[in-house]
C-alpha cells in the first residue's frame, strides 16, 4: 500500500513538471510583434537579412547602418 502512495506522488510530481514545461514553452514560443522596418529594405533594395539575423535584433551591419542614419 505504501508503494502505491509513493508511486502516485511521483507520477503527480512528474505530471506537474510536464505541465510547467509546456506552459513555459508556450510563453517562450508565443509570437512577438515585428519591429523591423520593411521600408528600409524597400529603399535599399536589400533583403531584411542584410541587417537582421533574427528580427528585430540587428547584426553588426544593421547596427552600423542604424548609426549612419543618425548622423
PDB file of N, CA and C in Angstrom:
ATOM      1  N   UNK A   1       0.817  -1.192   0.000  1.00  0.00           N
ATOM      2  CA  UNK A   1       0.000   0.000   0.000  1.00  0.00           C
ATOM      3  C   UNK A   1       0.861   1.256   0.000  1.00  0.00           C
ATOM      4  N   UNK A   2       1.934   1.244   0.782  1.00  0.00           N
ATOM      5  CA  UNK A   2       2.836   2.391   0.865  1.00  0.00           C
ATOM      6  C   UNK A   2       3.494   2.648  -0.491  1.00  0.00           C
ATOM      7  N   UNK A   3       3.863   1.576  -1.209  1.00  0.00           N
ATOM      8  CA  UNK A   3       4.486   1.718  -2.522  1.00  0.00           C
ATOM      9  C   UNK A   3       3.547   2.408  -3.505  1.00  0.00           C
ATOM     10  N   UNK A   4       2.263   2.122  -3.440  1.00  0.00           N
ATOM     11  CA  UNK A   4       1.283   2.747  -4.331  1.00  0.00           C
ATOM     12  C   UNK A   4       1.186   4.249  -4.059  1.00  0.00           C
ATOM     13  N   UNK A   5       1.249   4.635  -2.786  1.00  0.00           N
ATOM     14  CA  UNK A   5       1.191   6.060  -2.445  1.00  0.00           C
ATOM     15  C   UNK A   5       2.430   6.798  -2.949  1.00  0.00           C
ATOM     16  N   UNK A   6       3.572   6.150  -2.804  1.00  0.00           N
ATOM     17  CA  UNK A   6       4.822   6.760  -3.275  1.00  0.00           C
ATOM     18  C   UNK A   6       4.785   6.908  -4.790  1.00  0.00           C
ATOM     19  N   UNK A   7       4.334   5.871  -5.478  1.00  0.00           N
ATOM     20  CA  UNK A   7       4.259   5.913  -6.937  1.00  0.00           C
ATOM     21  C   UNK A   7       3.282   6.986  -7.396  1.00  0.00           C
ATOM     22  N   UNK A   8       2.163   7.128  -6.713  1.00  0.00           N
ATOM     23  CA  UNK A   8       1.179   8.153  -7.052  1.00  0.00           C
ATOM     24  C   UNK A   8       1.779   9.541  -6.866  1.00  0.00           C
ATOM     25  N   UNK A   9       2.521   9.745  -5.808  1.00  0.00           N
ATOM     26  CA  UNK A   9       3.157  11.041  -5.557  1.00  0.00           C
ATOM     27  C   UNK A   9       4.201  11.350  -6.625  1.00  0.00           C
ATOM     28  N   UNK A  10       4.968  10.354  -7.023  1.00  0.00           N
ATOM     29  CA  UNK A  10       5.982  10.550  -8.069  1.00  0.00           C
ATOM     30  C   UNK A  10       5.323  10.915  -9.393  1.00  0.00           C
ATOM     31  N   UNK A  11       4.264  10.190  -9.744  1.00  0.00           N
ATOM     32  CA  UNK A  11       3.563  10.471 -11.001  1.00  0.00           C
ATOM     33  C   UNK A  11       2.907  11.846 -10.984  1.00  0.00           C
ATOM     34  N   UNK A  12       2.361  12.253  -9.853  1.00  0.00           N
ATOM     35  CA  UNK A  12       1.745  13.569  -9.750  1.00  0.00           C
ATOM     36  C   UNK A  12       2.803  14.658  -9.914  1.00  0.00           C
ATOM     37  N   UNK A  13       3.962  14.459  -9.317  1.00  0.00           N
ATOM     38  CA  UNK A  13       5.057  15.421  -9.461  1.00  0.00           C
ATOM     39  C   UNK A  13       5.538  15.507 -10.901  1.00  0.00           C
ATOM     40  N   UNK A  14       5.645  14.372 -11.567  1.00  0.00           N
ATOM     41  CA  UNK A  14       6.084  14.347 -12.962  1.00  0.00           C
ATOM     42  C   UNK A  14       5.067  15.031 -13.864  1.00  0.00           C
ATOM     43  N   UNK A  15       3.791  14.825 -13.600  1.00  0.00           N
ATOM     44  CA  UNK A  15       2.742  15.470 -14.397  1.00  0.00           C
ATOM     45  C   UNK A  15       2.778  16.983 -14.203  1.00  0.00           C
ATOM     46  N   UNK A  16       2.993  17.412 -12.975  1.00  0.00           N
ATOM     47  CA  UNK A  16       3.099  18.844 -12.701  1.00  0.00           C
ATOM     48  C   UNK A  16       4.293  19.461 -13.406  1.00  0.00           C
ATOM     49  N   UNK A  17       5.413  18.764 -13.408  1.00  0.00           N
ATOM     50  CA  UNK A  17       6.621  19.255 -14.075  1.00  0.00           C
ATOM     51  C   UNK A  17       6.395  19.318 -15.586  1.00  0.00           C
ATOM     52  N   UNK A  18       5.754  18.317 -16.145  1.00  0.00           N
ATOM     53  CA  UNK A  18       5.466  18.317 -17.583  1.00  0.00           C
ATOM     54  C   UNK A  18       4.563  19.486 -17.947  1.00  0.00           C
ATOM     55  N   UNK A  19       3.571  19.752 -17.127  1.00  0.00           N
ATOM     56  CA  UNK A  19       2.674  20.884 -17.384  1.00  0.00           C
ATOM     57  C   UNK A  19       3.441  22.196 -17.325  1.00  0.00           C
ATOM     58  N   UNK A  20       4.353  22.331 -16.380  1.00  0.00           N
ATOM     59  CA  UNK A  20       5.159  23.546 -16.266  1.00  0.00           C
ATOM     60  C   UNK A  20       6.043  23.740 -17.496  1.00  0.00           C
ATOM     61  N   UNK A  21       6.605  22.660 -18.010  1.00  0.00           N
ATOM     62  CA  UNK A  21       7.447  22.738 -19.209  1.00  0.00           C
ATOM     63  C   UNK A  21       6.614  23.170 -20.413  1.00  0.00           C
ATOM     64  N   UNK A  22       5.415  22.633 -20.552  1.00  0.00           N
ATOM     65  CA  UNK A  22       4.530  23.004 -21.667  1.00  0.00           C
ATOM     66  C   UNK A  22       4.156  24.483 -21.585  1.00  0.00           C
ATOM     67  N   UNK A  23       3.806  24.956 -20.410  1.00  0.00           N
ATOM     68  CA  UNK A  23       3.436  26.366 -20.245  1.00  0.00           C
ATOM     69  C   UNK A  23       4.632  27.263 -20.538  1.00  0.00           C
ATOM     70  N   UNK A  24       5.802  26.926 -20.025  1.00  0.00           N
ATOM     71  CA  UNK A  24       6.999  27.728 -20.277  1.00  0.00           C
ATOM     72  C   UNK A  24       7.325  27.749 -21.770  1.00  0.00           C
ATOM     73  N   UNK A  25       7.195  26.612 -22.428  1.00  0.00           N
ATOM     74  CA  UNK A  25       7.438  26.563 -23.871  1.00  0.00           C
ATOM     75  C   UNK A  25       6.466  27.424 -24.650  1.00  0.00           C
ATOM     76  N   UNK A  26       5.207  27.426 -24.237  1.00  0.00           N
ATOM     77  CA  UNK A  26       4.207  28.246 -24.924  1.00  0.00           C
ATOM     78  C   UNK A  26       4.515  29.724 -24.762  1.00  0.00           C
ATOM     79  N   UNK A  27       4.995  30.118 -23.598  1.00  0.00           N
ATOM     80  CA  UNK A  27       5.334  31.528 -23.373  1.00  0.00           C
ATOM     81  C   UNK A  27       6.533  31.935 -24.219  1.00  0.00           C
ATOM     82  N   UNK A  28       7.547  31.103 -24.249  1.00  0.00           N
ATOM     83  CA  UNK A  28       8.760  31.419 -24.999  1.00  0.00           C
ATOM     84  C   UNK A  28       8.493  31.456 -26.500  1.00  0.00           C
ATOM     85  N   UNK A  29       7.663  30.551 -26.977  1.00  0.00           N
ATOM     86  CA  UNK A  29       7.427  30.446 -28.419  1.00  0.00           C
ATOM     87  C   UNK A  29       6.246  31.277 -28.913  1.00  0.00           C
ATOM     88  N   UNK A  30       5.619  32.037 -28.035  1.00  0.00           N
ATOM     89  CA  UNK A  30       4.478  32.861 -28.445  1.00  0.00           C
ATOM     90  C   UNK A  30       4.938  33.908 -29.466  1.00  0.00           C
ATOM     91  N   UNK A  31       4.128  34.179 -30.467  1.00  0.00           N
ATOM     92  CA  UNK A  31       4.511  35.165 -31.474  1.00  0.00           C
ATOM     93  C   UNK A  31       4.753  36.539 -30.851  1.00  0.00           C
ATOM     94  N   UNK A  32       5.764  37.205 -31.350  1.00  0.00           N
ATOM     95  CA  UNK A  32       6.096  38.552 -30.901  1.00  0.00           C
ATOM     96  C   UNK A  32       5.825  39.523 -32.049  1.00  0.00           C
ATOM     97  N   UNK A  33       5.421  40.739 -31.741  1.00  0.00           N
ATOM     98  CA  UNK A  33       5.195  41.705 -32.814  1.00  0.00           C
ATOM     99  C   UNK A  33       6.525  42.056 -33.495  1.00  0.00           C
ATOM    100  N   UNK A  34       6.490  42.158 -34.803  1.00  0.00           N
ATOM    101  CA  UNK A  34       7.690  42.510 -35.555  1.00  0.00           C
ATOM    102  C   UNK A  34       8.011  43.985 -35.347  1.00  0.00           C
ATOM    103  N   UNK A  35       9.286  44.277 -35.192  1.00  0.00           N
ATOM    104  CA  UNK A  35       9.710  45.657 -35.000  1.00  0.00           C
ATOM    105  C   UNK A  35      10.614  46.113 -36.136  1.00  0.00           C
ATOM    106  N   UNK A  36      10.884  45.240 -37.079  1.00  0.00           N
ATOM    107  CA  UNK A  36      11.713  45.612 -38.213  1.00  0.00           C
ATOM    108  C   UNK A  36      10.927  46.546 -39.122  1.00  0.00           C
ATOM    109  N   UNK A  37      11.651  47.396 -39.840  1.00  0.00           N
ATOM    110  CA  UNK A  37      11.022  48.374 -40.713  1.00  0.00           C
ATOM    111  C   UNK A  37      11.220  47.952 -42.169  1.00  0.00           C
ATOM    112  N   UNK A  38      10.205  47.365 -42.801  1.00  0.00           N
ATOM    113  CA  UNK A  38      10.386  46.882 -44.178  1.00  0.00           C
ATOM    114  C   UNK A  38      10.637  48.002 -45.179  1.00  0.00           C
ATOM    115  N   UNK A  39      10.301  49.231 -44.829  1.00  0.00           N
ATOM    116  CA  UNK A  39      10.528  50.332 -45.776  1.00  0.00           C
ATOM    117  C   UNK A  39      12.019  50.534 -46.028  1.00  0.00           C
ATOM    118  N   UNK A  40      12.860  50.236 -45.043  1.00  0.00           N
ATOM    119  CA  UNK A  40      14.309  50.363 -45.252  1.00  0.00           C
ATOM    120  C   UNK A  40      14.765  49.341 -46.294  1.00  0.00           C
ATOM    121  N   UNK A  41      14.269  48.126 -46.204  1.00  0.00           N
ATOM    122  CA  UNK A  41      14.622  47.107 -47.192  1.00  0.00           C
ATOM    123  C   UNK A  41      14.138  47.529 -48.584  1.00  0.00           C
ATOM    124  N   UNK A  42      12.968  48.139 -48.645  1.00  0.00           N
ATOM    125  CA  UNK A  42      12.442  48.597 -49.935  1.00  0.00           C
ATOM    126  C   UNK A  42      13.302  49.732 -50.498  1.00  0.00           C
ATOM    127  N   UNK A  43      13.727  50.661 -49.632  1.00  0.00           N
ATOM    128  CA  UNK A  43      14.555  51.791 -50.087  1.00  0.00           C
ATOM    129  C   UNK A  43      15.921  51.335 -50.570  1.00  0.00           C
ATOM    130  N   UNK A  44      16.518  50.398 -49.838  1.00  0.00           N
ATOM    131  CA  UNK A  44      17.880  49.981 -50.168  1.00  0.00           C
ATOM    132  C   UNK A  44      17.926  48.853 -51.186  1.00  0.00           C
ATOM    133  N   UNK A  45      16.810  48.143 -51.344  1.00  0.00           N
ATOM    134  CA  UNK A  45      16.786  47.001 -52.250  1.00  0.00           C
ATOM    135  C   UNK A  45      17.464  45.766 -51.668  1.00  0.00           C
ATOM    136  N   UNK A  46      17.772  45.810 -50.382  1.00  0.00           N
ATOM    137  CA  UNK A  46      18.430  44.694 -49.708  1.00  0.00           C
ATOM    138  C   UNK A  46      17.394  43.848 -48.973  1.00  0.00           C
ATOM    139  N   UNK A  47      17.665  42.559 -48.801  1.00  0.00           N
ATOM    140  CA  UNK A  47      16.746  41.727 -48.008  1.00  0.00           C
ATOM    141  C   UNK A  47      16.865  42.088 -46.526  1.00  0.00           C
ATOM    142  N   UNK A  48      15.861  41.790 -45.761  1.00  0.00           N
ATOM    143  CA  UNK A  48      15.871  42.076 -44.317  1.00  0.00           C
ATOM    144  C   UNK A  48      17.063  41.417 -43.634  1.00  0.00           C
ATOM    145  N   UNK A  49      17.474  40.255 -44.152  1.00  0.00           N
ATOM    146  CA  UNK A  49      18.585  39.523 -43.543  1.00  0.00           C
ATOM    147  C   UNK A  49      19.920  40.236 -43.699  1.00  0.00           C
ATOM    148  N   UNK A  50      19.981  41.278 -44.501  1.00  0.00           N
ATOM    149  CA  UNK A  50      21.221  42.063 -44.611  1.00  0.00           C
ATOM    150  C   UNK A  50      21.532  42.727 -43.268  1.00  0.00           C
ATOM    151  N   UNK A  51      20.493  43.209 -42.575  1.00  0.00           N
ATOM    152  CA  UNK A  51      20.673  43.909 -41.298  1.00  0.00           C
ATOM    153  C   UNK A  51      20.264  43.078 -40.087  1.00  0.00           C
ATOM    154  N   UNK A  52      19.470  42.038 -40.304  1.00  0.00           N
ATOM    155  CA  UNK A  52      18.928  41.262 -39.191  1.00  0.00           C
ATOM    156  C   UNK A  52      19.333  39.799 -39.285  1.00  0.00           C
ATOM    157  N   UNK A  53      19.671  39.232 -38.120  1.00  0.00           N
ATOM    158  CA  UNK A  53      19.871  37.786 -38.066  1.00  0.00           C
ATOM    159  C   UNK A  53      18.594  37.134 -37.572  1.00  0.00           C
ATOM    160  N   UNK A  54      17.934  37.744 -36.594  1.00  0.00           N
ATOM    161  CA  UNK A  54      16.657  37.285 -36.051  1.00  0.00           C
ATOM    162  C   UNK A  54      15.860  38.531 -35.682  1.00  0.00           C
ATOM    163  N   UNK A  55      15.084  39.075 -36.646  1.00  0.00           N
ATOM    164  CA  UNK A  55      14.358  40.324 -36.373  1.00  0.00           C
ATOM    165  C   UNK A  55      13.616  40.281 -35.052  1.00  0.00           C
ATOM    166  N   UNK A  56      13.624  41.348 -34.292  1.00  0.00           N
ATOM    167  CA  UNK A  56      14.119  42.684 -34.627  1.00  0.00           C
ATOM    168  C   UNK A  56      15.580  42.911 -34.295  1.00  0.00           C
ATOM    169  N   UNK A  57      16.317  41.885 -33.862  1.00  0.00           N
ATOM    170  CA  UNK A  57      17.727  42.068 -33.484  1.00  0.00           C
ATOM    171  C   UNK A  57      18.575  42.374 -34.709  1.00  0.00           C
ATOM    172  N   UNK A  58      19.371  43.441 -34.589  1.00  0.00           N
ATOM    173  CA  UNK A  58      20.255  43.832 -35.680  1.00  0.00           C
ATOM    174  C   UNK A  58      21.591  43.103 -35.569  1.00  0.00           C
ATOM    175  N   UNK A  59      22.166  42.778 -36.724  1.00  0.00           N
ATOM    176  CA  UNK A  59      23.522  42.252 -36.739  1.00  0.00           C
ATOM    177  C   UNK A  59      24.481  43.449 -36.809  1.00  0.00           C
ATOM    178  N   UNK A  60      25.775  43.217 -36.946  1.00  0.00           N
ATOM    179  CA  UNK A  60      26.764  44.307 -36.962  1.00  0.00           C
ATOM    180  C   UNK A  60      26.498  45.265 -38.123  1.00  0.00           C
ATOM    181  N   UNK A  61      26.183  44.729 -39.296  1.00  0.00           N
ATOM    182  CA  UNK A  61      25.901  45.581 -40.449  1.00  0.00           C
ATOM    183  C   UNK A  61      24.692  46.482 -40.164  1.00  0.00           C
ATOM    184  N   UNK A  62      23.652  45.914 -39.588  1.00  0.00           N
ATOM    185  CA  UNK A  62      22.453  46.685 -39.269  1.00  0.00           C
ATOM    186  C   UNK A  62      22.713  47.757 -38.227  1.00  0.00           C
ATOM    187  N   UNK A  63      23.527  47.451 -37.225  1.00  0.00           N
ATOM    188  CA  UNK A  63      23.887  48.450 -36.209  1.00  0.00           C
ATOM    189  C   UNK A  63      24.630  49.612 -36.857  1.00  0.00           C
ATOM    190  N   UNK A  64      25.574  49.305 -37.747  1.00  0.00           N
ATOM    191  CA  UNK A  64      26.322  50.365 -38.435  1.00  0.00           C
ATOM    192  C   UNK A  64      25.410  51.202 -39.317  1.00  0.00           C
ATOM    193  N   UNK A  65      24.479  50.549 -40.007  1.00  0.00           N
ATOM    194  CA  UNK A  65      23.534  51.275 -40.854  1.00  0.00           C
ATOM    195  C   UNK A  65      22.664  52.198 -40.003  1.00  0.00           C
ATOM    196  N   UNK A  66      22.199  51.694 -38.867  1.00  0.00           N
ATOM    197  CA  UNK A  66      21.365  52.488 -37.972  1.00  0.00           C
ATOM    198  C   UNK A  66      22.126  53.727 -37.473  1.00  0.00           C
ATOM    199  N   UNK A  67      23.411  53.534 -37.108  1.00  0.00           N
ATOM    200  CA  UNK A  67      24.228  54.663 -36.666  1.00  0.00           C
ATOM    201  C   UNK A  67      24.412  55.683 -37.781  1.00  0.00           C
ATOM    202  N   UNK A  68      24.553  55.210 -39.010  1.00  0.00           N
ATOM    203  CA  UNK A  68      24.761  56.129 -40.139  1.00  0.00           C
ATOM    204  C   UNK A  68      23.529  56.986 -40.406  1.00  0.00           C
ATOM    205  N   UNK A  69      22.351  56.485 -40.058  1.00  0.00           N
ATOM    206  CA  UNK A  69      21.120  57.249 -40.251  1.00  0.00           C
ATOM    207  C   UNK A  69      20.985  58.389 -39.252  1.00  0.00           C
ATOM    208  N   UNK A  70      21.624  58.262 -38.091  1.00  0.00           N
ATOM    209  CA  UNK A  70      21.509  59.272 -37.041  1.00  0.00           C
ATOM    210  C   UNK A  70      22.441  60.451 -37.245  1.00  0.00           C
ATOM    211  N   UNK A  71      23.334  60.391 -38.207  1.00  0.00           N
ATOM    212  CA  UNK A  71      24.296  61.479 -38.442  1.00  0.00           C
ATOM    213  C   UNK A  71      23.679  62.619 -39.203  1.00  0.00           C
TER     214      UNK A  71
END
